[in-house]
Protein backbone atom coordinates (compact mmCIF):
# COMPACT_ATOMS: atom_id res chain seq x y z
CA MET A 1 128.22 93.93 126.23
CA GLY A 2 130.36 90.93 126.93
CA GLU A 3 134.10 90.85 126.33
CA ARG A 4 133.50 88.58 123.57
CA THR A 5 131.32 90.96 122.07
CA GLY A 6 133.01 94.23 122.49
CA LYS A 7 136.27 92.04 120.81
CA LEU A 8 133.87 91.26 117.76
CA ARG A 9 132.70 94.68 117.37
CA ILE A 10 136.11 96.01 117.16
CA ASP A 11 137.05 93.48 114.66
CA ALA A 12 133.81 94.55 112.79
CA LYS A 13 134.32 98.08 113.50
CA ALA A 14 138.32 97.19 111.48
CA MET A 15 136.32 95.33 108.65
CA ILE A 16 134.23 98.46 107.69
CA ASP A 17 137.17 100.89 107.56
CA ARG A 18 139.24 98.70 105.55
CA ILE A 19 136.02 97.91 103.42
CA ILE A 20 135.69 101.42 102.60
CA LYS A 21 139.27 101.98 101.88
CA ASP A 22 139.71 98.94 99.23
CA ASN A 23 136.99 100.29 97.46
CA LEU A 24 137.62 103.94 96.77
CA PRO A 25 137.51 104.70 93.28
CA ASP A 26 140.85 106.43 93.19
CA GLU A 27 143.56 104.16 92.23
CA ALA A 28 140.92 102.39 89.90
CA VAL A 29 139.89 105.44 87.95
CA LYS A 30 143.49 106.63 87.74
CA THR A 31 144.76 103.17 86.03
CA ALA A 32 141.64 103.08 83.64
CA LEU A 33 142.58 106.92 82.28
CA LYS A 34 146.63 105.95 82.47
CA GLY A 35 146.03 103.56 80.17
CA ARG A 36 144.43 105.31 77.36
CA GLU A 37 145.46 107.68 74.75
CA PHE A 38 143.54 110.85 74.37
CA ALA A 39 142.77 113.75 72.69
CA ASP A 40 144.53 117.10 73.24
CA GLY A 41 141.40 118.33 74.72
CA VAL A 42 139.18 116.19 76.60
CA TYR A 43 135.78 117.79 78.48
CA VAL A 44 134.45 115.68 81.71
CA ILE A 45 131.15 114.63 82.97
CA SER A 46 130.99 113.43 86.45
CA ILE A 47 127.80 111.99 87.87
CA GLY A 48 126.52 109.83 91.29
CA LYS A 49 127.49 109.55 94.69
CA ALA A 50 131.06 108.98 93.70
CA ALA A 51 131.27 111.87 91.10
CA TRP A 52 133.69 114.45 92.80
CA THR A 53 136.51 111.41 94.03
CA MET A 54 136.24 110.09 90.19
CA ALA A 55 136.07 113.91 88.77
CA ASN A 56 139.35 115.04 91.36
CA VAL A 57 141.31 111.68 89.91
CA ALA A 58 140.42 113.17 86.40
CA ALA A 59 141.24 115.96 87.02
CA ASP A 60 145.06 115.67 87.76
CA VAL A 61 145.59 112.86 85.35
CA LEU A 62 144.76 114.78 82.47
CA GLY A 63 146.08 118.30 83.65
CA ASP A 64 146.09 120.76 80.64
CA LYS A 65 144.18 118.08 78.47
CA LEU A 66 141.52 118.90 80.61
CA ILE A 67 139.32 121.75 79.13
CA LYS A 68 136.28 121.72 81.15
CA GLY A 69 134.11 119.85 83.64
CA ILE A 70 130.96 119.26 85.07
CA VAL A 71 129.90 117.12 88.27
CA ILE A 72 126.48 116.57 89.88
CA THR A 73 126.15 114.76 93.00
CA LYS A 74 124.39 114.15 96.15
CA TYR A 75 124.13 116.68 98.57
CA ASP A 76 126.99 117.14 100.87
CA HIS A 77 128.94 115.00 98.59
CA SER A 78 131.34 117.52 97.37
CA MET A 79 134.73 117.72 98.94
CA GLY A 80 135.69 121.19 97.42
CA SER A 81 136.42 123.09 94.03
CA ILE A 82 138.34 120.99 91.12
CA PRO A 83 140.35 123.06 88.89
CA LYS A 84 137.95 123.81 85.51
CA MET A 85 135.05 121.84 86.98
CA ASP A 86 132.01 123.21 87.90
CA ILE A 87 130.32 121.50 90.87
CA TYR A 88 126.62 120.70 91.24
CA GLU A 89 124.62 118.62 93.94
CA ALA A 90 121.10 117.68 94.10
CA GLY A 91 118.14 115.44 95.46
CA HIS A 92 118.98 111.89 95.97
CA PRO A 93 117.17 109.70 96.24
CA ILE A 94 114.28 111.66 95.31
CA ILE A 95 115.16 113.71 91.94
CA ASP A 96 114.80 117.79 93.19
CA GLU A 97 115.15 120.94 91.07
CA ASN A 98 118.90 121.46 91.25
CA SER A 99 119.00 117.78 89.27
CA LEU A 100 117.39 119.27 86.90
CA LYS A 101 119.38 122.48 86.46
CA ALA A 102 122.58 120.99 87.06
CA THR A 103 121.32 118.52 83.50
CA ARG A 104 120.48 121.15 81.78
CA LYS A 105 124.28 122.49 81.98
CA VAL A 106 125.38 119.09 80.98
CA ILE A 107 123.36 118.90 78.07
CA GLU A 108 124.47 122.53 77.31
CA LEU A 109 127.90 121.69 77.02
CA ALA A 110 126.95 117.82 75.54
CA GLN A 111 125.40 119.88 72.61
CA ARG A 112 128.56 122.43 71.94
CA LEU A 113 130.50 118.86 71.00
CA GLY A 114 131.44 118.00 67.61
CA GLU A 115 133.44 115.64 65.63
CA GLY A 116 136.42 114.82 66.72
CA ASP A 117 135.68 116.04 70.72
CA GLU A 118 135.91 114.02 73.29
CA LEU A 119 133.97 113.45 76.53
CA LEU A 120 134.96 111.66 79.19
CA LEU A 121 132.01 110.23 81.31
CA LEU A 122 132.63 109.28 84.99
CA LEU A 123 129.46 107.57 86.07
CA SER A 124 128.62 106.00 90.00
CA GLY A 125 125.60 105.11 91.63
CA GLY A 126 122.92 107.54 92.31
CA GLY A 127 123.17 109.00 88.83
CA SER A 128 119.03 108.06 88.22
CA ALA A 129 118.00 111.07 90.73
CA LEU A 130 121.10 112.99 90.42
CA PHE A 131 120.88 113.47 86.21
CA GLU A 132 117.51 114.06 84.89
CA ALA A 133 115.76 115.91 81.89
CA PRO A 134 112.46 114.35 81.70
CA LEU A 135 110.28 114.22 78.08
CA GLU A 136 107.86 116.68 76.97
CA GLY A 137 104.66 116.80 79.24
CA VAL A 138 106.47 115.02 82.31
CA THR A 139 106.98 117.38 85.59
CA LEU A 140 109.61 117.37 88.17
CA GLU A 141 106.73 116.28 90.64
CA ASP A 142 105.59 113.57 88.11
CA LEU A 143 108.93 111.63 88.75
CA GLN A 144 109.15 112.83 92.28
CA GLN A 145 105.62 110.50 92.74
CA LEU A 146 107.08 107.95 90.82
CA SER A 147 110.52 107.93 92.55
CA ALA A 148 108.74 107.52 95.77
CA ASP A 149 105.96 104.94 94.85
CA LEU A 150 108.27 102.73 92.90
CA LEU A 151 110.60 102.87 96.16
CA SER A 152 108.01 102.30 98.80
CA ALA A 153 106.64 99.18 96.58
CA GLY A 154 109.67 97.41 97.05
CA CYS A 155 110.83 97.39 93.24
CA ASP A 156 114.30 96.22 92.78
CA ILE A 157 116.89 98.92 91.16
CA VAL A 158 116.73 97.24 87.44
CA GLU A 159 112.93 97.51 88.21
CA ILE A 160 112.97 101.34 89.27
CA ASN A 161 115.37 102.17 86.42
CA MET A 162 113.30 100.52 83.61
CA ILE A 163 110.69 102.06 84.37
CA ARG A 164 112.08 106.14 85.34
CA LYS A 165 114.10 106.11 82.14
CA ARG A 166 111.44 105.92 79.55
CA LEU A 167 110.21 109.68 81.04
CA SER A 168 113.79 111.18 80.67
CA SER A 169 115.78 112.34 77.53
CA VAL A 170 119.25 111.81 78.98
CA LYS A 171 118.94 108.34 80.25
CA ALA A 172 118.59 104.87 78.39
CA GLY A 173 121.21 105.52 75.79
CA ARG A 174 119.79 109.16 75.28
CA PHE A 175 122.55 111.30 76.38
CA ALA A 176 125.07 109.43 74.04
CA GLN A 177 122.58 110.20 70.88
CA ILE A 178 122.81 114.02 72.52
CA THR A 179 126.42 114.11 72.12
CA ALA A 180 127.18 112.64 68.99
CA PRO A 181 129.10 112.61 66.79
CA ALA A 182 131.98 113.07 70.06
CA LYS A 183 132.99 110.25 71.28
CA ILE A 184 132.68 109.25 75.09
CA PHE A 185 134.83 107.28 77.18
CA ALA A 186 132.71 106.08 79.92
CA VAL A 187 134.58 104.67 83.33
CA VAL A 188 131.71 103.39 85.42
CA LEU A 189 131.93 102.44 89.28
CA SER A 190 128.57 99.64 89.54
CA ASP A 191 126.23 99.58 91.84
CA VAL A 192 123.87 97.13 90.37
CA LEU A 193 123.96 93.66 90.40
CA GLY A 194 125.50 92.08 87.11
CA ASP A 195 127.23 95.65 86.15
CA ARG A 196 124.05 96.36 83.71
CA LEU A 197 125.53 99.12 82.00
CA ASP A 198 122.08 100.06 81.08
CA THR A 199 120.53 100.05 84.61
CA ILE A 200 123.84 102.11 86.38
CA SER A 201 122.69 105.59 86.78
CA SER A 202 120.21 104.58 84.27
CA GLY A 203 122.32 104.22 81.47
CA PRO A 204 122.69 107.51 79.71
CA ALA A 205 125.55 106.12 77.73
CA ALA A 206 124.24 102.48 77.02
CA PRO A 207 122.11 100.61 74.64
CA ASP A 208 118.93 99.85 76.46
CA ALA A 209 118.60 96.14 77.25
CA SER A 210 114.64 96.59 78.46
CA ILE A 211 111.76 96.31 76.03
CA VAL A 212 108.37 97.66 76.53
CA SER A 213 106.58 94.65 77.23
CA GLU A 214 108.72 94.42 80.19
CA CYS A 215 108.32 97.93 81.48
CA LEU A 216 104.46 97.26 81.13
CA ASP A 217 104.54 94.04 83.15
CA ALA A 218 106.50 95.80 86.21
CA VAL A 219 104.19 99.02 86.10
CA LYS A 220 101.31 96.15 86.27
CA LYS A 221 102.94 93.64 88.91
CA TYR A 222 103.32 96.87 91.29
CA GLY A 223 99.95 98.58 90.77
CA ILE A 224 102.13 101.90 89.97
CA ILE A 225 99.81 104.52 88.80
CA LEU A 226 100.80 106.62 85.53
CA ASN A 227 98.76 109.13 83.84
CA GLU A 228 98.10 109.10 80.17
CA ILE A 229 101.49 111.16 78.92
CA GLN A 230 103.39 108.96 81.03
CA LYS A 231 101.79 105.53 79.91
CA ALA A 232 102.42 106.72 76.12
CA HIS A 233 106.24 107.74 77.18
CA LEU A 234 106.88 103.96 77.92
CA THR A 235 105.45 102.64 74.83
CA LYS A 236 108.06 104.39 73.08
CA GLU A 237 111.19 101.82 72.13
CA THR A 238 114.68 103.11 73.77
CA PRO A 239 118.08 103.18 72.02
CA LYS A 240 118.98 99.83 71.30
CA ILE A 241 122.52 100.65 68.98
CA LEU A 242 124.93 103.55 70.39
CA ASP A 243 128.47 103.78 67.96
CA ASN A 244 130.10 106.70 69.92
CA VAL A 245 130.70 104.98 73.08
CA GLU A 246 133.51 103.13 74.87
CA THR A 247 132.44 102.07 78.31
CA THR A 248 134.80 100.38 80.96
CA VAL A 249 133.65 99.17 84.87
CA VAL A 250 136.18 99.86 87.48
CA GLY A 251 134.43 98.69 90.62
CA SER A 252 131.62 96.75 91.76
CA VAL A 253 130.03 94.19 94.74
CA ARG A 254 132.39 91.66 93.72
CA SER A 255 135.16 93.97 95.14
CA LEU A 256 133.35 94.76 97.87
CA CYS A 257 132.73 91.21 99.16
CA ASP A 258 136.71 90.09 98.19
CA SER A 259 138.19 93.50 100.43
CA ALA A 260 135.14 91.82 103.25
CA ALA A 261 137.19 88.48 103.06
CA LEU A 262 140.78 89.68 103.03
CA SER A 263 139.85 91.91 105.96
CA ALA A 264 138.29 88.82 107.62
CA THR A 265 141.25 86.42 107.00
CA PHE A 266 144.16 89.10 108.55
CA LEU A 267 141.56 89.57 111.82
CA GLY A 268 141.78 85.42 111.83
CA TYR A 269 138.34 84.49 110.64
CA ALA A 270 137.67 82.10 107.70
CA PRO A 271 135.49 83.81 105.27
CA HIS A 272 132.84 82.54 102.85
CA ILE A 273 131.25 84.33 100.64
CA LEU A 274 127.84 83.19 100.03
CA THR A 275 126.96 85.33 97.17
CA THR A 276 127.16 88.75 95.45
CA MET A 277 123.95 88.69 94.10
CA LEU A 278 121.57 88.99 97.20
CA ASN A 279 118.45 91.25 96.00
CA CYS A 280 115.31 90.40 98.11
CA GLU A 281 113.44 91.96 101.52
CA ALA A 282 115.99 93.38 103.57
CA LYS A 283 114.27 91.76 106.83
CA GLU A 284 114.34 88.30 104.96
CA ALA A 285 117.99 88.50 104.36
CA GLY A 286 118.44 89.34 107.85
CA ARG A 287 116.46 86.80 109.08
CA PHE A 288 118.41 84.03 107.03
CA LEU A 289 121.71 85.30 108.37
CA ALA A 290 120.74 84.91 111.58
CA ALA A 291 119.13 81.41 111.31
CA ILE A 292 122.67 80.56 109.70
CA ALA A 293 124.13 81.83 113.22
CA LYS A 294 122.24 79.64 115.10
CA ASP A 295 123.36 76.75 112.97
CA ILE A 296 126.99 77.34 113.24
CA ASP A 297 126.58 78.10 117.32
CA ALA A 298 124.75 75.12 117.65
CA GLY A 299 127.72 73.24 115.12
CA ILE A 300 125.70 71.83 112.56
CA SER A 301 127.01 73.87 110.38
CA HIS A 302 129.47 73.35 107.37
CA PHE A 303 130.96 76.66 108.63
CA LYS A 304 133.26 76.30 111.59
CA ARG A 305 133.69 78.91 114.13
CA PRO A 306 135.83 81.65 113.99
CA CYS A 307 134.19 82.40 110.68
CA ALA A 308 132.83 85.31 108.62
CA VAL A 309 129.80 84.74 106.42
CA ILE A 310 129.60 87.65 103.70
CA CYS A 311 126.74 88.54 101.08
CA GLY A 312 126.71 91.11 98.94
CA GLY A 313 124.40 92.64 97.01
CA GLU A 314 121.35 95.18 97.53
CA THR A 315 117.95 94.09 98.97
CA VAL A 316 115.01 96.25 98.66
CA VAL A 317 112.13 97.70 101.71
CA ASN A 318 108.36 97.42 101.40
CA LEU A 319 107.60 100.05 103.22
CA LYS A 320 104.15 99.89 105.16
CA GLY A 321 105.09 102.55 107.87
CA ASN A 322 106.64 105.98 108.89
CA GLY A 323 109.54 105.25 110.35
CA LYS A 324 112.92 106.26 109.65
CA GLY A 325 115.93 104.03 108.08
CA GLY A 326 117.36 102.27 105.25
CA ARG A 327 117.61 98.66 104.20
CA ASN A 328 121.30 97.99 105.76
CA GLN A 329 119.40 99.27 108.72
CA GLU A 330 116.55 97.07 108.70
CA LEU A 331 118.19 94.15 107.72
CA ALA A 332 120.60 94.14 110.96
CA LEU A 333 117.31 95.26 112.87
CA ALA A 334 115.81 92.34 111.59
CA ALA A 335 118.90 89.91 112.42
CA ALA A 336 118.65 90.81 115.85
CA GLU A 337 115.63 88.77 116.35
CA GLY A 338 117.65 85.16 115.75
CA LEU A 339 120.85 86.60 117.12
CA ALA A 340 119.03 87.05 120.59
CA GLY A 341 121.18 85.34 123.39
CA LEU A 342 123.68 84.26 121.07
CA LYS A 343 127.63 84.94 122.34
CA GLY A 344 130.16 85.47 119.94
CA ALA A 345 128.09 86.97 117.21
CA VAL A 346 127.83 90.33 115.30
CA LEU A 347 126.36 91.20 112.38
CA PHE A 348 126.71 94.42 110.12
CA SER A 349 125.20 95.69 107.03
CA LEU A 350 126.76 98.48 105.29
CA GLY A 351 125.97 100.83 102.34
CA SER A 352 129.54 101.51 101.11
CA ASP A 353 128.30 105.09 99.82
CA GLY A 354 128.25 105.85 103.78
CA THR A 355 124.10 106.51 103.27
CA ASP A 356 121.77 104.22 104.01
CA GLY A 357 118.03 105.29 102.46
CA PRO A 358 117.36 108.99 103.83
CA THR A 359 119.40 108.78 106.71
CA ASP A 360 122.99 109.78 108.06
CA ALA A 361 124.21 105.94 108.93
CA ALA A 362 125.69 103.75 106.54
CA GLY A 363 123.86 100.98 108.18
CA GLY A 364 123.70 98.75 110.80
CA ILE A 365 125.55 96.43 113.63
CA VAL A 366 124.06 94.06 115.91
CA ASP A 367 124.61 91.22 118.09
CA GLY A 368 122.92 88.57 120.86
CA ASP A 369 122.55 91.09 123.08
CA THR A 370 120.82 93.86 120.65
CA LYS A 371 116.67 92.56 121.05
CA ASP A 372 117.24 92.80 125.17
CA GLU A 373 118.97 96.05 125.02
CA LEU A 374 115.74 97.41 122.31
CA GLY A 375 113.46 96.08 125.02
CA ASN A 376 115.36 97.60 127.98
CA ALA A 377 114.56 100.98 126.13
CA GLY A 378 111.16 100.70 125.01
CA PHE A 379 110.95 98.86 122.12
CA THR A 380 110.80 95.69 120.39
CA VAL A 381 112.09 94.27 117.15
CA HIS A 382 108.56 93.70 115.45
CA GLU A 383 107.26 97.19 116.05
CA LEU A 384 110.32 98.74 114.90
CA LEU A 385 110.21 96.89 111.82
CA ALA A 386 106.16 97.21 111.13
CA ASN A 387 106.78 101.30 111.24
CA ASN A 388 110.25 100.77 109.42
CA ASP A 389 111.94 102.54 112.02
CA ALA A 390 115.25 100.63 112.20
CA TYR A 391 116.87 104.06 112.54
CA THR A 392 115.53 104.89 115.79
CA GLY A 393 116.08 101.67 117.37
CA LEU A 394 119.35 100.92 116.42
CA SER A 395 120.46 104.58 118.04
CA ALA A 396 119.38 103.77 121.15
CA VAL A 397 121.61 100.96 121.30
CA ASP A 398 124.67 101.85 119.59
CA GLY A 399 123.25 99.99 116.71
CA LEU A 400 124.32 102.71 113.64
CA ILE A 401 127.29 102.86 111.48
CA ILE A 402 128.20 106.25 110.47
CA THR A 403 131.03 106.97 108.44
CA GLY A 404 130.14 110.10 106.54
CA PRO A 405 130.26 110.26 102.63
CA THR A 406 132.31 107.56 101.54
CA GLY A 407 133.61 108.83 98.29
CA THR A 408 132.52 105.46 96.69
CA ASN A 409 129.66 103.50 95.82
CA VAL A 410 129.42 99.79 95.17
CA ASN A 411 126.29 98.19 96.48
CA ASP A 412 125.85 96.89 100.24
CA VAL A 413 128.13 94.01 101.96
CA VAL A 414 126.80 92.37 105.29
CA VAL A 415 129.10 90.53 107.17
CA LEU A 416 128.35 87.84 109.93
CA LEU A 417 131.47 87.55 112.60
CA MET A 418 131.41 84.54 114.91
CA ASP A 419 134.36 84.33 117.14
CA LYS A 420 135.85 80.68 118.69
């Protein structure tokens, strides 16, 4: 690794730290709650990868007004006890028995609420797997298989949630119906492009914008196999109007990209946010950004060195192999091919929650030397991508970004850094 590349990687690391710190939900949630008048007693349900952080802030703000709370988060995402809160950890991205057990506890609490009661619902990404109570005739195994099929088919998050929430008694606004007549104030940390409330955690307290025909078209498009019970549930319409819910969004991918731009400016790079709606195959996004890097290197781009080209969103991976990785690692690995030989270029792709796919990595980082380093380690970019095995390759060349669970979840950010 050359001196220029080493400096770029140091800057990239500083950017990653700053981006995550700027997007922790603490202050945003605190602001949303402090500006609101609550009843004398409030119940709290917090669901998602950022559930512990959001619940901890809520407990601090509410103080004696907090009656009881339940937190459901991903394994290893709890950071200790919270006063008056029961904390459960469960499976993500594939639902498990602990998801069902924890959800039953939430339903029991919601069913006890009545007129005049107030429920604070804190939602972040990951809730679709963590919060689930299947409809009659639908088994845990059915949901696990469906989630695996949807993920491996390359469905985007809107399509995935549109299908699986129709098999649920708590998704698609149905949890709000269970809670009624009690009022819900929902504070949402968005991990969905466009901040669609009916898609974030599959919209447990949001009117469902999708219709039956869209759902059936998606099933056909991806060749998803369903049994007769599942098909029957998919043809039933979901709630379109809810009168006991008020919602505020406190964080999104836009803030993630803005943080990247501010950090880049501080470090001396001219920032350019290409999009906050990146939604395509991960490897194609990586190749596209590598092509931009080539134009910048050749001096034929509108972007001039030193610069930071920034994209936010959530790509997809169409699983063909049996390797280990995630969309951010696959994006970075795919970019390594096009970046090969370029001097003064580094690209990183980061999942803001700190976990990329079923791995302990938050994403990947590559530069102009990565392809050769992979070759020296006995790998090729093509073979690794064909087996969806980005983690194995990147781990051999110091290309993994490891942050641990961050306490937030507002999509992914990709940054191409190019120095002078």
